[in-house]
Protein backbone atom coordinates (compact mmCIF):
# COMPACT_ATOMS: atom_id res chain seq x y z
CA UNK A 1 -164.12 146.94 25.62
CA UNK A 2 -161.53 148.71 23.66
CA UNK A 3 -160.06 150.10 26.82
CA UNK A 4 -159.88 146.62 28.39
CA UNK A 5 -158.08 145.26 25.39
CA UNK A 6 -155.63 148.15 25.61
CA UNK A 7 -154.91 147.36 29.24
CA UNK A 8 -154.41 143.69 28.43
CA UNK A 9 -152.05 144.64 25.62
CA UNK A 10 -150.19 146.93 27.97
CA UNK A 11 -149.96 144.17 30.53
CA UNK A 12 -148.70 141.74 27.93
CA UNK A 13 -146.18 144.32 26.79
CA UNK A 14 -144.93 144.88 30.34
CA UNK A 15 -144.79 141.15 30.96
CA UNK A 16 -142.80 140.75 27.75
CA UNK A 17 -140.36 143.42 28.86
CA UNK A 18 -139.94 141.72 32.23
CA UNK A 19 -139.25 138.39 30.56
CA UNK A 20 -136.82 140.06 28.18
CA UNK A 21 -134.94 141.70 31.07
CA UNK A 22 -134.75 138.38 32.96
CA UNK A 23 -133.49 136.62 29.88
CA UNK A 24 -130.95 139.40 29.36
CA UNK A 25 -129.78 139.09 32.95
CA UNK A 26 -129.42 135.33 32.51
CA UNK A 27 -127.38 135.86 29.39
CA UNK A 28 -125.18 138.42 31.09
CA UNK A 29 -124.55 135.98 33.93
CA UNK A 30 -123.86 133.07 31.64
CA UNK A 31 -121.30 134.96 29.59
CA UNK A 32 -119.05 135.31 32.71
CA UNK A 33 -119.00 131.61 33.41
CA UNK A 34 -116.47 130.56 30.72
CA UNK A 35 -113.86 133.21 31.67
CA UNK A 36 -114.21 132.31 35.33
CA UNK A 37 -113.75 128.65 34.56
CA UNK A 38 -110.70 129.36 32.39
CA UNK A 39 -109.18 131.61 35.10
CA UNK A 40 -109.75 128.93 37.73
CA UNK A 41 -108.12 126.27 35.58
CA UNK A 42 -105.21 128.59 34.83
CA UNK A 43 -104.64 129.34 38.51
CA UNK A 44 -104.78 125.67 39.36
CA UNK A 45 -102.40 124.86 36.58
CA UNK A 46 -100.00 127.64 37.61
CA UNK A 47 -100.05 126.41 41.21
CA UNK A 48 -99.35 122.86 40.13
CA UNK A 49 -96.67 124.08 37.74
CA UNK A 50 -94.99 126.07 40.49
CA UNK A 51 -95.03 123.07 42.79
CA UNK A 52 -93.51 120.91 40.08
CA UNK A 53 -90.91 123.48 39.16
CA UNK A 54 -89.87 124.17 42.73
CA UNK A 55 -89.57 120.44 43.42
CA UNK A 56 -87.73 120.01 40.14
CA UNK A 57 -85.20 122.77 40.82
CA UNK A 58 -84.66 121.52 44.35
CA UNK A 59 -83.71 118.15 42.94
CA UNK A 60 -81.59 119.29 40.03
CA UNK A 61 -80.19 122.74 40.72
CA UNK A 62 -76.45 122.34 41.42
CA UNK A 63 -73.97 124.45 43.29
CA UNK A 64 -73.05 127.58 41.38
CA UNK A 65 -69.33 126.85 41.67
CA UNK A 66 -67.13 123.88 42.33
CA UNK A 67 -65.56 125.48 45.36
CA UNK A 68 -66.99 126.25 48.77
CA UNK A 69 -67.41 130.03 48.66
CA UNK A 70 -70.86 130.29 47.10
CA UNK A 71 -73.73 127.82 47.24
CA UNK A 72 -76.96 127.95 45.23
CA UNK A 73 -78.98 125.80 47.67
CA UNK A 74 -81.82 125.53 45.21
CA UNK A 75 -82.22 129.28 44.76
CA UNK A 76 -81.29 131.39 41.78
CA UNK A 77 -78.70 134.07 42.57
CA UNK A 78 -78.54 136.78 39.94
CA UNK A 79 -74.92 137.78 39.94
CA UNK A 80 -72.87 140.01 37.70
CA UNK A 81 -69.14 140.12 37.27
CA UNK A 82 -69.14 143.49 39.11
CA UNK A 83 -70.87 141.86 42.10
CA UNK A 84 -68.05 139.34 42.37
CA UNK A 85 -64.98 141.40 41.63
CA UNK A 86 -64.80 144.27 44.11
CA UNK A 87 -61.68 144.36 46.19
CA UNK A 88 -60.75 140.70 46.02
CA UNK A 89 -57.22 139.67 46.75
CA UNK A 90 -55.33 136.38 47.02
CA UNK A 91 -55.47 136.02 50.80
CA UNK A 92 -52.75 134.32 52.76
CA UNK A 93 -53.69 133.24 56.28
CA UNK A 94 -51.55 133.39 59.41
CA UNK A 95 -52.13 131.91 62.88
CA UNK A 96 -49.89 134.50 64.55
CA UNK A 97 -51.32 137.31 66.65
CA UNK A 98 -49.97 140.06 64.37
CA UNK A 99 -48.50 140.59 60.91
CA UNK A 100 -46.52 143.43 59.39
CA UNK A 101 -47.33 145.53 56.29
CA UNK A 102 -44.39 147.51 54.99
CA UNK A 103 -45.59 150.20 52.59
CA UNK A 104 -42.39 151.27 50.90
CA UNK A 105 -43.79 154.16 48.90
CA UNK A 106 -45.32 155.64 52.09
CA UNK A 107 -42.30 154.97 54.30
CA UNK A 108 -44.69 153.51 56.87
CA UNK A 109 -44.86 150.16 58.68
CA UNK A 110 -48.31 148.95 59.85
CA UNK A 111 -48.55 146.30 62.55
CA UNK A 112 -51.93 144.57 62.27
CA UNK A 113 -53.29 142.72 65.32
CA UNK A 114 -55.83 139.92 65.47
CA UNK A 115 -58.14 142.04 67.70
CA UNK A 116 -58.44 144.60 64.84
CA UNK A 117 -56.00 147.11 66.30
CA UNK A 118 -53.34 148.56 63.98
CA UNK A 119 -50.12 150.34 65.01
CA UNK A 120 -48.21 152.66 62.74
CA UNK A 121 -44.44 153.23 62.64
CA UNK A 122 -42.46 155.70 60.62
CA UNK A 123 -39.54 154.00 58.82
CA UNK A 124 -36.82 154.74 56.31
CA UNK A 125 -36.14 152.05 53.72
CA UNK A 126 -33.21 151.34 51.37
CA UNK A 127 -32.00 154.00 48.99
CA UNK A 128 -30.23 152.43 46.00
CA UNK A 129 -28.47 155.73 45.29
CA UNK A 130 -26.79 155.93 48.72
CA UNK A 131 -23.64 154.27 47.31
CA UNK A 132 -22.59 151.56 44.82
CA UNK A 133 -23.59 148.75 47.19
CA UNK A 134 -26.87 150.18 48.43
CA UNK A 135 -30.17 148.45 47.61
CA UNK A 136 -33.75 149.61 47.50
CA UNK A 137 -36.21 147.63 49.60
CA UNK A 138 -38.12 145.09 47.49
CA UNK A 139 -41.79 144.02 47.42
CA UNK A 140 -42.82 140.48 48.33
CA UNK A 141 -44.34 138.26 51.04
CA UNK A 142 -41.68 137.46 53.63
CA UNK A 143 -41.38 136.09 57.18
CA UNK A 144 -39.02 137.04 60.00
CA UNK A 145 -36.49 134.25 60.23
CA UNK A 146 -33.81 135.66 62.67
CA UNK A 147 -33.91 137.85 65.73
CA UNK A 148 -30.90 139.32 67.47
CA UNK A 149 -30.86 142.25 69.88
CA UNK A 150 -27.46 143.54 68.76
CA UNK A 151 -25.91 142.80 65.40
CA UNK A 152 -22.83 144.30 63.84
CA UNK A 153 -22.90 144.69 60.10
CA UNK A 154 -20.30 142.61 58.30
CA UNK A 155 -20.64 144.82 55.22
CA UNK A 156 -20.76 148.38 56.52
CA UNK A 157 -17.80 148.80 58.88
CA UNK A 158 -19.33 146.83 61.76
CA UNK A 159 -22.14 149.33 62.15
CA UNK A 160 -24.34 148.61 65.18
CA UNK A 161 -27.87 147.39 64.41
CA UNK A 162 -30.17 147.12 67.39
CA UNK A 163 -33.13 144.74 67.66
CA UNK A 164 -32.35 143.40 64.23
CA UNK A 165 -34.99 141.21 62.53
CA UNK A 166 -34.07 140.22 58.90
CA UNK A 167 -36.85 139.07 56.55
CA UNK A 168 -35.33 139.43 53.05
CA UNK A 169 -31.88 137.88 53.18
CA UNK A 170 -29.77 140.50 55.02
CA UNK A 171 -32.49 143.18 54.98
CA UNK A 172 -34.50 143.64 58.17
CA UNK A 173 -35.91 146.01 60.79
CA UNK A 174 -33.56 147.70 63.25
CA UNK A 175 -32.37 150.95 64.74
CA UNK A 176 -28.82 152.39 64.57
CA UNK A 177 -26.59 154.58 66.73
CA UNK A 178 -27.77 158.11 67.45
CA UNK A 179 -30.95 159.83 66.48
CA UNK A 180 -29.82 162.04 63.58
CA UNK A 181 -31.45 159.65 61.09
CA UNK A 182 -34.87 160.22 62.76
CA UNK A 183 -35.46 163.19 60.35
CA UNK A 184 -35.77 160.80 57.41
CA UNK A 185 -38.19 158.41 59.09
CA UNK A 186 -41.55 158.49 57.40
CA UNK A 187 -40.14 160.93 54.80
CA UNK A 188 -37.66 159.28 52.45
CA UNK A 189 -35.49 156.18 51.92
CA UNK A 190 -32.06 156.71 53.44
CA UNK A 191 -30.55 153.35 54.43
CA UNK A 192 -28.36 150.97 52.47
CA UNK A 193 -31.20 148.48 52.25
CA UNK A 194 -32.57 147.77 55.72
CA UNK A 195 -35.64 149.26 57.40
CA UNK A 196 -34.54 151.86 59.96
CA UNK A 197 -36.77 152.64 62.94
CA UNK A 198 -36.65 154.68 66.14
CA UNK A 199 -34.99 152.89 69.04
CA UNK A 200 -38.19 152.49 71.06
CA UNK A 201 -40.20 151.37 68.01
CA UNK A 202 -37.60 148.80 66.98
CA UNK A 203 -37.48 147.42 70.53
CA UNK A 204 -41.29 147.13 70.79
CA UNK A 205 -41.55 145.48 67.38
CA UNK A 206 -38.82 143.03 68.36
CA UNK A 207 -40.78 142.09 71.46
CA UNK A 208 -44.12 141.79 69.66
CA UNK A 209 -42.99 139.82 66.62
CA UNK A 210 -42.06 136.14 67.10
CA UNK A 211 -40.13 134.18 64.53
CA UNK A 212 -42.35 133.45 61.55
CA UNK A 213 -44.26 136.73 61.68
CA UNK A 214 -45.35 137.54 58.13
CA UNK A 215 -44.17 140.67 56.41
CA UNK A 216 -46.00 141.90 53.34
CA UNK A 217 -43.78 144.45 51.70
CA UNK A 218 -45.43 146.43 48.89
CA UNK A 219 -44.56 149.35 46.72
CA UNK A 220 -47.82 150.38 45.06
CA UNK A 221 -49.91 147.40 44.01
CA UNK A 222 -50.10 143.92 45.51
CA UNK A 223 -52.46 141.14 44.45
CA UNK A 224 -51.84 139.34 47.71
CA UNK A 225 -53.13 140.20 51.17
CA UNK A 226 -52.63 138.68 54.61
CA UNK A 227 -55.44 137.86 57.00
CA UNK A 228 -55.81 136.07 60.32
CA UNK A 229 -57.03 132.48 60.16
CA UNK A 230 -60.47 132.07 61.73
CA UNK A 231 -60.39 130.94 65.35
CA UNK A 232 -60.22 127.16 65.54
CA UNK A 233 -59.32 126.71 61.85
CA UNK A 234 -56.75 124.04 61.16
CA UNK A 235 -55.22 122.78 57.97
CA UNK A 236 -56.70 119.54 56.67
CA UNK A 237 -53.29 117.88 57.07
CA UNK A 238 -49.63 118.65 57.36
CA UNK A 239 -48.36 120.01 54.01
CA UNK A 240 -44.86 119.80 52.62
CA UNK A 241 -42.98 122.89 51.46
CA UNK A 242 -43.55 121.91 47.86
CA UNK A 243 -47.29 121.63 48.46
CA UNK A 244 -47.35 125.11 50.01
CA UNK A 245 -45.56 126.44 46.95
CA UNK A 246 -48.06 124.78 44.55
CA UNK A 247 -51.08 126.06 46.51
CA UNK A 248 -49.79 129.60 46.72
CA UNK A 249 -48.91 129.61 43.02
CA UNK A 250 -52.22 128.04 41.94
CA UNK A 251 -54.38 130.46 44.00
CA UNK A 252 -52.63 133.52 42.53
CA UNK A 253 -52.67 132.13 39.00
CA UNK A 254 -56.40 131.59 39.11
CA UNK A 255 -57.30 134.99 40.49
CA UNK A 256 -55.08 136.75 37.92
CA UNK A 257 -56.93 134.88 35.15
CA UNK A 258 -60.41 135.73 36.50
CA UNK A 259 -61.03 132.24 37.89
CA UNK A 260 -61.40 133.14 41.56
CA UNK A 261 -64.94 131.77 41.76
CA UNK A 262 -64.90 128.98 39.21
CA UNK A 263 -61.84 126.98 40.29
CA UNK A 264 -61.21 125.08 43.49
CA UNK A 265 -59.40 127.32 45.93
CA UNK A 266 -57.16 126.04 48.72
CA UNK A 267 -57.62 127.72 52.09
CA UNK A 268 -54.81 127.05 54.54
CA UNK A 269 -52.59 128.57 57.21
CA UNK A 270 -49.19 129.21 55.73
CA UNK A 271 -46.19 127.68 57.44
CA UNK A 272 -43.62 130.54 57.59
CA UNK A 273 -40.82 128.02 57.07
CA UNK A 274 -42.18 127.48 53.56
CA UNK A 275 -41.41 131.11 52.69
CA UNK A 276 -37.90 131.50 51.32
CA UNK A 277 -35.64 134.39 52.38
CA UNK A 278 -36.14 135.87 48.90
CA UNK A 279 -39.89 136.04 49.59
CA UNK A 280 -42.99 135.02 47.68
CA UNK A 281 -44.17 136.81 44.54
CA UNK A 282 -47.06 139.23 45.20
CA UNK A 283 -47.94 140.18 41.62
CA UNK A 284 -46.71 143.74 42.07
CA UNK A 285 -46.46 144.10 38.25
CA UNK A 286 -49.67 142.31 37.13
CA UNK A 287 -53.07 143.45 38.43
CA UNK A 288 -56.06 141.32 39.19
CA UNK A 289 -58.63 141.80 36.34
CA UNK A 290 -61.50 144.15 37.05
CA UNK A 291 -64.02 141.36 36.33
CA UNK A 292 -63.89 137.76 37.47
CA UNK A 293 -65.75 135.06 35.55
CA UNK A 294 -69.32 134.83 36.90
CA UNK A 295 -70.31 131.46 38.38
CA UNK A 296 -73.02 129.85 36.24
CA UNK A 297 -75.89 127.59 37.12
CA UNK A 298 -77.42 125.21 34.68
CA UNK A 299 -81.11 124.38 34.41
CA UNK A 300 -82.24 120.93 33.37
CA UNK A 301 -85.51 120.41 31.44
CA UNK A 302 -87.20 117.10 30.81
CA UNK A 303 -88.93 116.65 27.50
CA UNK A 304 -91.02 113.58 26.69
CA UNK A 305 -90.59 112.81 23.03
CA UNK A 306 -93.48 111.76 20.84
CA UNK A 307 -92.75 108.75 18.66
CA UNK A 308 -94.49 107.42 15.56
CA UNK A 309 -95.27 103.73 15.60
CA UNK A 310 -96.16 102.04 12.28
CA UNK A 311 -98.82 99.35 12.63
CA UNK A 312 -100.44 97.62 9.68
CA UNK A 313 -99.47 100.41 7.36
CA UNK A 314 -100.95 103.08 9.63
CA UNK A 315 -99.03 105.72 11.57
CA UNK A 316 -100.09 105.86 15.21
CA UNK A 317 -98.81 108.54 17.58
CA UNK A 318 -97.11 106.62 20.34
CA UNK A 319 -96.18 108.12 23.75
CA UNK A 320 -92.60 107.13 24.48
CA UNK A 321 -91.82 105.60 27.85
CA UNK A 322 -88.36 107.08 28.22
CA UNK A 323 -87.63 110.73 29.07
CA UNK A 324 -84.86 112.59 27.36
CA UNK A 325 -82.91 115.03 29.51
CA UNK A 326 -82.19 118.25 27.70
CA UNK A 327 -79.66 120.52 29.45
CA UNK A 328 -79.18 124.16 28.72
CA UNK A 329 -75.73 124.69 30.11
CA UNK A 330 -73.88 127.93 30.42
CA UNK A 331 -70.26 126.89 30.46
CA UNK A 332 -67.49 129.02 31.91
CA UNK A 333 -64.85 129.40 29.27
CA UNK A 334 -61.32 130.23 30.26
CA UNK A 335 -61.57 133.90 29.50
CA UNK A 336 -60.44 137.06 31.18
CA UNK A 337 -62.28 140.35 31.48
CA UNK A 338 -61.33 141.34 27.93
CA UNK A 339 -63.06 138.24 26.55
CA UNK A 340 -59.87 136.58 25.29
CA UNK A 341 -58.25 133.32 26.21
CA UNK A 342 -56.35 133.30 29.50
CA UNK A 343 -53.50 135.73 29.28
CA UNK A 344 -51.17 134.02 31.76
CA UNK A 345 -51.02 130.40 30.55
CA UNK A 346 -48.73 127.79 32.08
CA UNK A 347 -47.87 124.37 30.77
CA UNK A 348 -46.72 122.63 33.95
CA UNK A 349 -46.84 122.76 37.74
CA UNK A 350 -43.11 123.62 37.83
CA UNK A 351 -43.69 126.55 35.50
CA UNK A 352 -46.60 127.76 37.64
CA UNK A 353 -44.48 127.62 40.79
CA UNK A 354 -41.68 129.48 39.03
CA UNK A 355 -43.97 132.27 37.81
CA UNK A 356 -46.41 132.68 40.69
CA UNK A 357 -44.45 131.67 43.79
CA UNK A 358 -40.83 132.62 43.33
CA UNK A 359 -39.97 136.27 43.88
CA UNK A 360 -37.03 137.09 41.59
CA UNK A 361 -36.57 140.66 42.81
CA UNK A 362 -36.15 139.33 46.36
CA UNK A 363 -32.93 137.60 45.38
CA UNK A 364 -30.35 140.24 46.35
CA UNK A 365 -26.74 140.61 45.16
CA UNK A 366 -24.00 139.76 47.63
CA UNK A 367 -21.45 142.36 48.67
CA UNK A 368 -18.56 141.17 50.76
CA UNK A 369 -17.24 142.99 53.83
CA UNK A 370 -15.56 146.31 53.17
CA UNK A 371 -11.91 146.47 54.08
């Protein structure tokens, strides 16, 4: 009897343990339910939030700049000033098949072709120490405005100049009698102002370069560059000479003040007839800042304001029906890379044209014919 009771007690004990384990398992299972529910709700909310945000930014995200170079298109571009400042120049476009780059400090002329080919010619430019009336060759953006196969100098004892193409008043490309001067080509300045070349090179250049061919003469730095207009590109309309001056001046002014990406930029094919014989200023003495102002996007947030409505002496929280638009706007201030106000201010369009279009060093002194 005692043994039977012991067995029953053992059975009851085992049954109690089993019930306890089952209850413990149930409790363990139940304790995971709240976190799972919370996680599910969070995921659902995140998904809904993402959907709302993406729709919201598609509707309200604007272009990053006013111009046409960069578009946001509803996406966020993370840009730094370094990303936007490498190697930019004020580009002037030509519709010709080639243009000429005269590098005075290298004594080299480069002929750039639309197909990507570049030809190189040794030259000898003006040496201002040759005599009292000699001139050094000057930087600027020019265009060939006259072509004559044989010209006799009115200043230097009727000297023969073959395949003469002036671009800066009386200074131009040509060859002269003999070949003794060849030793200076590509080595040092030796002329009275013009650009001397070998006979064969001057003849070929004469053939290849129609009137209006652009000449970018530089001595060291130049903030302007020349490029070929894209195939099929046409100006929006026919511009006047004054309009070309204003556009060239404005484009250079903005890039020198770090506003290349934040101001409207005119893109056009230059009419060579708008380039004076004194040339166009190329900012040989003022460099483009290392950092341009970064284009900024703005993000718009909608916040529904709670309002308190007083009714019968009681304050009742009232949900307003109108949404208030709160904008967090990052404005582009007129600053340069040093963080100061623009360093090259102008007060009028005429002043801008005078400073950023006219090329004062291209206006050369006149020397009458020698007797």
